[in-house]
Amino acid sequence: MDRFVVEAERRVVGIAIRVPGGFRFVASDPDFHAVDRKVFRRARLLVSRVAELARALRARRGQRRFR
């Protein structure tokens, strides 16, 4: 597994690419630029961080779905 699509709120928000030291997240959605290009030691950590960010964005928007 060298790369995979990352989803949040049932839509694609970026991709993860295997790099030395873990996985780099590349955001395709501007809402997720806070973690764009960051490297995570494990794929599970990357997915957890993206999900955490998605929950925070949803709460901030009053439970509305992303556009």
PDB file of N, CA and C in Angstrom:
ATOM      1  N   MET A   1       0.855  -1.173   0.000  1.00  0.00           N
ATOM      2  CA  MET A   1       0.000   0.000   0.000  1.00  0.00           C
ATOM      3  C   MET A   1       0.904   1.240   0.000  1.00  0.00           C
ATOM      4  N   ASP A   2       1.043   1.869  -1.154  1.00  0.00           N
ATOM      5  CA  ASP A   2       1.872   3.066  -1.270  1.00  0.00           C
ATOM      6  C   ASP A   2       1.068   4.349  -1.161  1.00  0.00           C
ATOM      7  N   ARG A   3      -0.212   4.261  -1.489  1.00  0.00           N
ATOM      8  CA  ARG A   3      -1.086   5.436  -1.385  1.00  0.00           C
ATOM      9  C   ARG A   3      -2.524   4.972  -1.269  1.00  0.00           C
ATOM     10  N   PHE A   4      -3.334   5.832  -0.651  1.00  0.00           N
ATOM     11  CA  PHE A   4      -4.757   5.520  -0.552  1.00  0.00           C
ATOM     12  C   PHE A   4      -5.544   6.807  -0.401  1.00  0.00           C
ATOM     13  N   VAL A   5      -6.810   6.732  -0.764  1.00  0.00           N
ATOM     14  CA  VAL A   5      -7.735   7.861  -0.676  1.00  0.00           C
ATOM     15  C   VAL A   5      -8.172   8.003   0.777  1.00  0.00           C
ATOM     16  N   VAL A   6      -8.270   9.242   1.236  1.00  0.00           N
ATOM     17  CA  VAL A   6      -8.720   9.519   2.599  1.00  0.00           C
ATOM     18  C   VAL A   6     -10.092  10.187   2.511  1.00  0.00           C
ATOM     19  N   GLU A   7     -11.051   9.627   3.227  1.00  0.00           N
ATOM     20  CA  GLU A   7     -12.410  10.152   3.230  1.00  0.00           C
ATOM     21  C   GLU A   7     -12.795  10.657   4.614  1.00  0.00           C
ATOM     22  N   ALA A   8     -13.685  11.644   4.614  1.00  0.00           N
ATOM     23  CA  ALA A   8     -14.297  12.156   5.840  1.00  0.00           C
ATOM     24  C   ALA A   8     -15.699  12.607   5.473  1.00  0.00           C
ATOM     25  N   GLU A   9     -16.629  12.321   6.334  1.00  0.00           N
ATOM     26  CA  GLU A   9     -18.020  12.707   6.060  1.00  0.00           C
ATOM     27  C   GLU A   9     -18.496  12.133   4.717  1.00  0.00           C
ATOM     28  N   ARG A  10     -18.074  10.930   4.427  1.00  0.00           N
ATOM     29  CA  ARG A  10     -18.461  10.196   3.214  1.00  0.00           C
ATOM     30  C   ARG A  10     -18.062  10.889   1.915  1.00  0.00           C
ATOM     31  N   ARG A  11     -16.939  11.602   1.930  1.00  0.00           N
ATOM     32  CA  ARG A  11     -16.421  12.204   0.696  1.00  0.00           C
ATOM     33  C   ARG A  11     -14.902  12.258   0.762  1.00  0.00           C
ATOM     34  N   VAL A  12     -14.289  12.273  -0.393  1.00  0.00           N
ATOM     35  CA  VAL A  12     -12.831  12.287  -0.477  1.00  0.00           C
ATOM     36  C   VAL A  12     -12.318  13.670  -0.077  1.00  0.00           C
ATOM     37  N   VAL A  13     -11.345  13.692   0.842  1.00  0.00           N
ATOM     38  CA  VAL A  13     -10.772  14.966   1.285  1.00  0.00           C
ATOM     39  C   VAL A  13      -9.273  15.044   1.003  1.00  0.00           C
ATOM     40  N   GLY A  14      -8.692  13.934   0.519  1.00  0.00           N
ATOM     41  CA  GLY A  14      -7.268  13.939   0.193  1.00  0.00           C
ATOM     42  C   GLY A  14      -6.748  12.542  -0.052  1.00  0.00           C
ATOM     43  N   ILE A  15      -5.423  12.450  -0.156  1.00  0.00           N
ATOM     44  CA  ILE A  15      -4.781  11.151  -0.318  1.00  0.00           C
ATOM     45  C   ILE A  15      -3.633  11.041   0.680  1.00  0.00           C
ATOM     46  N   ALA A  16      -3.286   9.810   0.979  1.00  0.00           N
ATOM     47  CA  ALA A  16      -2.135   9.521   1.828  1.00  0.00           C
ATOM     48  C   ALA A  16      -1.101   8.817   0.963  1.00  0.00           C
ATOM     49  N   ILE A  17       0.135   9.243   1.074  1.00  0.00           N
ATOM     50  CA  ILE A  17       1.227   8.672   0.284  1.00  0.00           C
ATOM     51  C   ILE A  17       2.300   8.187   1.244  1.00  0.00           C
ATOM     52  N   ARG A  18       2.759   6.942   1.034  1.00  0.00           N
ATOM     53  CA  ARG A  18       3.828   6.404   1.885  1.00  0.00           C
ATOM     54  C   ARG A  18       5.125   7.143   1.572  1.00  0.00           C
ATOM     55  N   VAL A  19       5.771   7.637   2.609  1.00  0.00           N
ATOM     56  CA  VAL A  19       7.057   8.328   2.507  1.00  0.00           C
ATOM     57  C   VAL A  19       7.948   7.780   3.624  1.00  0.00           C
ATOM     58  N   PRO A  20       9.250   8.033   3.546  1.00  0.00           N
ATOM     59  CA  PRO A  20      10.097   7.602   4.661  1.00  0.00           C
ATOM     60  C   PRO A  20       9.572   8.200   5.971  1.00  0.00           C
ATOM     61  N   GLY A  21       9.352   7.352   6.941  1.00  0.00           N
ATOM     62  CA  GLY A  21       8.867   7.817   8.238  1.00  0.00           C
ATOM     63  C   GLY A  21       7.371   7.735   8.423  1.00  0.00           C
ATOM     64  N   GLY A  22       6.626   7.328   7.393  1.00  0.00           N
ATOM     65  CA  GLY A  22       5.186   7.199   7.564  1.00  0.00           C
ATOM     66  C   GLY A  22       4.383   7.493   6.320  1.00  0.00           C
ATOM     67  N   PHE A  23       3.322   8.279   6.505  1.00  0.00           N
ATOM     68  CA  PHE A  23       2.410   8.623   5.420  1.00  0.00           C
ATOM     69  C   PHE A  23       2.200  10.129   5.401  1.00  0.00           C
ATOM     70  N   ARG A  24       2.324  10.724   4.217  1.00  0.00           N
ATOM     71  CA  ARG A  24       2.077  12.155   4.045  1.00  0.00           C
ATOM     72  C   ARG A  24       0.645  12.329   3.540  1.00  0.00           C
ATOM     73  N   PHE A  25      -0.085  13.251   4.174  1.00  0.00           N
ATOM     74  CA  PHE A  25      -1.445  13.579   3.747  1.00  0.00           C
ATOM     75  C   PHE A  25      -1.386  14.755   2.789  1.00  0.00           C
ATOM     76  N   VAL A  26      -2.061  14.614   1.643  1.00  0.00           N
ATOM     77  CA  VAL A  26      -2.169  15.703   0.679  1.00  0.00           C
ATOM     78  C   VAL A  26      -3.659  16.018   0.543  1.00  0.00           C
ATOM     79  N   ALA A  27      -4.045  17.186   1.003  1.00  0.00           N
ATOM     80  CA  ALA A  27      -5.464  17.575   1.020  1.00  0.00           C
ATOM     81  C   ALA A  27      -5.947  17.951  -0.373  1.00  0.00           C
ATOM     82  N   SER A  28      -7.144  17.494  -0.702  1.00  0.00           N
ATOM     83  CA  SER A  28      -7.802  17.919  -1.935  1.00  0.00           C
ATOM     84  C   SER A  28      -8.960  18.854  -1.612  1.00  0.00           C
ATOM     85  N   ASP A  29      -9.217  19.033  -0.340  1.00  0.00           N
ATOM     86  CA  ASP A  29     -10.311  19.876   0.142  1.00  0.00           C
ATOM     87  C   ASP A  29      -9.717  20.985   1.014  1.00  0.00           C
ATOM     88  N   PRO A  30     -10.045  22.232   0.729  1.00  0.00           N
ATOM     89  CA  PRO A  30      -9.476  23.346   1.494  1.00  0.00           C
ATOM     90  C   PRO A  30      -9.752  23.275   2.999  1.00  0.00           C
ATOM     91  N   ASP A  31     -10.834  22.622   3.402  1.00  0.00           N
ATOM     92  CA  ASP A  31     -11.140  22.496   4.827  1.00  0.00           C
ATOM     93  C   ASP A  31     -10.083  21.687   5.573  1.00  0.00           C
ATOM     94  N   PHE A  32      -9.284  20.915   4.864  1.00  0.00           N
ATOM     95  CA  PHE A  32      -8.316  20.028   5.496  1.00  0.00           C
ATOM     96  C   PHE A  32      -6.875  20.467   5.274  1.00  0.00           C
ATOM     97  N   HIS A  33      -6.683  21.720   4.890  1.00  0.00           N
ATOM     98  CA  HIS A  33      -5.325  22.224   4.678  1.00  0.00           C
ATOM     99  C   HIS A  33      -4.526  22.341   5.973  1.00  0.00           C
ATOM    100  N   ALA A  34      -5.198  22.297   7.114  1.00  0.00           N
ATOM    101  CA  ALA A  34      -4.483  22.341   8.397  1.00  0.00           C
ATOM    102  C   ALA A  34      -3.550  21.148   8.554  1.00  0.00           C
ATOM    103  N   VAL A  35      -3.860  20.045   7.905  1.00  0.00           N
ATOM    104  CA  VAL A  35      -3.010  18.853   7.989  1.00  0.00           C
ATOM    105  C   VAL A  35      -2.369  18.511   6.648  1.00  0.00           C
ATOM    106  N   ASP A  36      -2.515  19.405   5.675  1.00  0.00           N
ATOM    107  CA  ASP A  36      -1.929  19.189   4.344  1.00  0.00           C
ATOM    108  C   ASP A  36      -0.413  19.072   4.439  1.00  0.00           C
ATOM    109  N   ARG A  37       0.131  18.063   3.776  1.00  0.00           N
ATOM    110  CA  ARG A  37       1.578  17.806   3.681  1.00  0.00           C
ATOM    111  C   ARG A  37       2.218  17.336   4.982  1.00  0.00           C
ATOM    112  N   LYS A  38       1.440  17.100   6.016  1.00  0.00           N
ATOM    113  CA  LYS A  38       2.008  16.587   7.265  1.00  0.00           C
ATOM    114  C   LYS A  38       2.260  15.087   7.135  1.00  0.00           C
ATOM    115  N   VAL A  39       3.296  14.631   7.827  1.00  0.00           N
ATOM    116  CA  VAL A  39       3.642  13.208   7.825  1.00  0.00           C
ATOM    117  C   VAL A  39       3.200  12.596   9.152  1.00  0.00           C
ATOM    118  N   PHE A  40       2.526  11.467   9.053  1.00  0.00           N
ATOM    119  CA  PHE A  40       2.047  10.722  10.212  1.00  0.00           C
ATOM    120  C   PHE A  40       2.770   9.378  10.238  1.00  0.00           C
ATOM    121  N   ARG A  41       3.197   8.947  11.396  1.00  0.00           N
ATOM    122  CA  ARG A  41       3.969   7.700  11.514  1.00  0.00           C
ATOM    123  C   ARG A  41       3.192   6.488  11.039  1.00  0.00           C
ATOM    124  N   ARG A  42       1.888   6.502  11.252  1.00  0.00           N
ATOM    125  CA  ARG A  42       1.051   5.356  10.860  1.00  0.00           C
ATOM    126  C   ARG A  42      -0.188   5.854  10.124  1.00  0.00           C
ATOM    127  N   ALA A  43      -0.669   5.034   9.201  1.00  0.00           N
ATOM    128  CA  ALA A  43      -1.872   5.381   8.438  1.00  0.00           C
ATOM    129  C   ALA A  43      -3.055   5.592   9.363  1.00  0.00           C
ATOM    130  N   ARG A  44      -3.150   4.778  10.402  1.00  0.00           N
ATOM    131  CA  ARG A  44      -4.265   4.893  11.348  1.00  0.00           C
ATOM    132  C   ARG A  44      -4.261   6.253  12.045  1.00  0.00           C
ATOM    133  N   LEU A  45      -3.090   6.776  12.368  1.00  0.00           N
ATOM    134  CA  LEU A  45      -2.990   8.099  12.999  1.00  0.00           C
ATOM    135  C   LEU A  45      -3.456   9.190  12.039  1.00  0.00           C
ATOM    136  N   LEU A  46      -3.095   9.066  10.787  1.00  0.00           N
ATOM    137  CA  LEU A  46      -3.512  10.038   9.775  1.00  0.00           C
ATOM    138  C   LEU A  46      -5.033  10.044   9.661  1.00  0.00           C
ATOM    139  N   VAL A  47      -5.616   8.870   9.515  1.00  0.00           N
ATOM    140  CA  VAL A  47      -7.068   8.766   9.368  1.00  0.00           C
ATOM    141  C   VAL A  47      -7.779   9.300  10.611  1.00  0.00           C
ATOM    142  N   SER A  48      -7.241   9.015  11.779  1.00  0.00           N
ATOM    143  CA  SER A  48      -7.840   9.512  13.026  1.00  0.00           C
ATOM    144  C   SER A  48      -7.793  11.032  13.095  1.00  0.00           C
ATOM    145  N   ARG A  49      -6.679  11.611  12.702  1.00  0.00           N
ATOM    146  CA  ARG A  49      -6.541  13.075  12.745  1.00  0.00           C
ATOM    147  C   ARG A  49      -7.501  13.748  11.764  1.00  0.00           C
ATOM    148  N   VAL A  50      -7.649  13.178  10.575  1.00  0.00           N
ATOM    149  CA  VAL A  50      -8.580  13.733   9.583  1.00  0.00           C
ATOM    150  C   VAL A  50     -10.022  13.623  10.111  1.00  0.00           C
ATOM    151  N   ALA A  51     -10.364  12.501  10.710  1.00  0.00           N
ATOM    152  CA  ALA A  51     -11.713  12.331  11.269  1.00  0.00           C
ATOM    153  C   ALA A  51     -11.961  13.322  12.402  1.00  0.00           C
ATOM    154  N   GLU A  52     -10.958  13.536  13.239  1.00  0.00           N
ATOM    155  CA  GLU A  52     -11.070  14.505  14.336  1.00  0.00           C
ATOM    156  C   GLU A  52     -11.302  15.908  13.787  1.00  0.00           C
ATOM    157  N   LEU A  53     -10.571  16.271  12.754  1.00  0.00           N
ATOM    158  CA  LEU A  53     -10.738  17.579  12.126  1.00  0.00           C
ATOM    159  C   LEU A  53     -12.131  17.704  11.501  1.00  0.00           C
ATOM    160  N   ALA A  54     -12.602  16.642  10.863  1.00  0.00           N
ATOM    161  CA  ALA A  54     -13.945  16.654  10.261  1.00  0.00           C
ATOM    162  C   ALA A  54     -15.019  16.857  11.329  1.00  0.00           C
ATOM    163  N   ARG A  55     -14.863  16.184  12.478  1.00  0.00           N
ATOM    164  CA  ARG A  55     -15.842  16.365  13.570  1.00  0.00           C
ATOM    165  C   ARG A  55     -15.828  17.801  14.083  1.00  0.00           C
ATOM    166  N   ALA A  56     -14.648  18.371  14.218  1.00  0.00           N
ATOM    167  CA  ALA A  56     -14.539  19.754  14.695  1.00  0.00           C
ATOM    168  C   ALA A  56     -15.177  20.718  13.700  1.00  0.00           C
ATOM    169  N   LEU A  57     -14.942  20.500  12.411  1.00  0.00           N
ATOM    170  CA  LEU A  57     -15.540  21.358  11.386  1.00  0.00           C
ATOM    171  C   LEU A  57     -17.058  21.241  11.395  1.00  0.00           C
ATOM    172  N   ARG A  58     -17.552  20.013  11.550  1.00  0.00           N
ATOM    173  CA  ARG A  58     -19.002  19.793  11.580  1.00  0.00           C
ATOM    174  C   ARG A  58     -19.618  20.492  12.787  1.00  0.00           C
ATOM    175  N   ALA A  59     -18.973  20.388  13.930  1.00  0.00           N
ATOM    176  CA  ALA A  59     -19.489  21.036  15.144  1.00  0.00           C
ATOM    177  C   ALA A  59     -19.480  22.548  14.992  1.00  0.00           C
ATOM    178  N   ARG A  60     -18.421  23.072  14.395  1.00  0.00           N
ATOM    179  CA  ARG A  60     -18.304  24.516  14.203  1.00  0.00           C
ATOM    180  C   ARG A  60     -19.378  25.039  13.252  1.00  0.00           C
ATOM    181  N   ARG A  61     -19.798  24.188  12.332  1.00  0.00           N
ATOM    182  CA  ARG A  61     -20.799  24.615  11.359  1.00  0.00           C
ATOM    183  C   ARG A  61     -22.212  24.263  11.797  1.00  0.00           C
ATOM    184  N   GLY A  62     -22.371  23.884  13.023  1.00  0.00           N
ATOM    185  CA  GLY A  62     -23.717  23.607  13.548  1.00  0.00           C
ATOM    186  C   GLY A  62     -24.349  22.360  12.983  1.00  0.00           C
ATOM    187  N   GLN A  63     -23.568  21.300  12.832  1.00  0.00           N
ATOM    188  CA  GLN A  63     -24.040  20.007  12.356  1.00  0.00           C
ATOM    189  C   GLN A  63     -24.403  19.994  10.879  1.00  0.00           C
ATOM    190  N   ARG A  64     -24.122  21.044  10.158  1.00  0.00           N
ATOM    191  CA  ARG A  64     -24.372  21.025   8.703  1.00  0.00           C
ATOM    192  C   ARG A  64     -23.349  20.138   8.041  1.00  0.00           C
ATOM    193  N   ARG A  65     -23.711  19.529   6.945  1.00  0.00           N
ATOM    194  CA  ARG A  65     -22.765  18.726   6.163  1.00  0.00           C
ATOM    195  C   ARG A  65     -21.862  19.674   5.394  1.00  0.00           C
ATOM    196  N   PHE A  66     -20.684  19.185   5.060  1.00  0.00           N
ATOM    197  CA  PHE A  66     -19.760  19.968   4.228  1.00  0.00           C
ATOM    198  C   PHE A  66     -20.405  20.215   2.878  1.00  0.00           C
ATOM    199  N   ARG A  67     -20.038  21.304   2.256  1.00  0.00           N
ATOM    200  CA  ARG A  67     -20.584  21.606   0.918  1.00  0.00           C
ATOM    201  C   ARG A  67     -20.082  20.637  -0.097  1.00  0.00           C
TER     202      ARG A  67
END
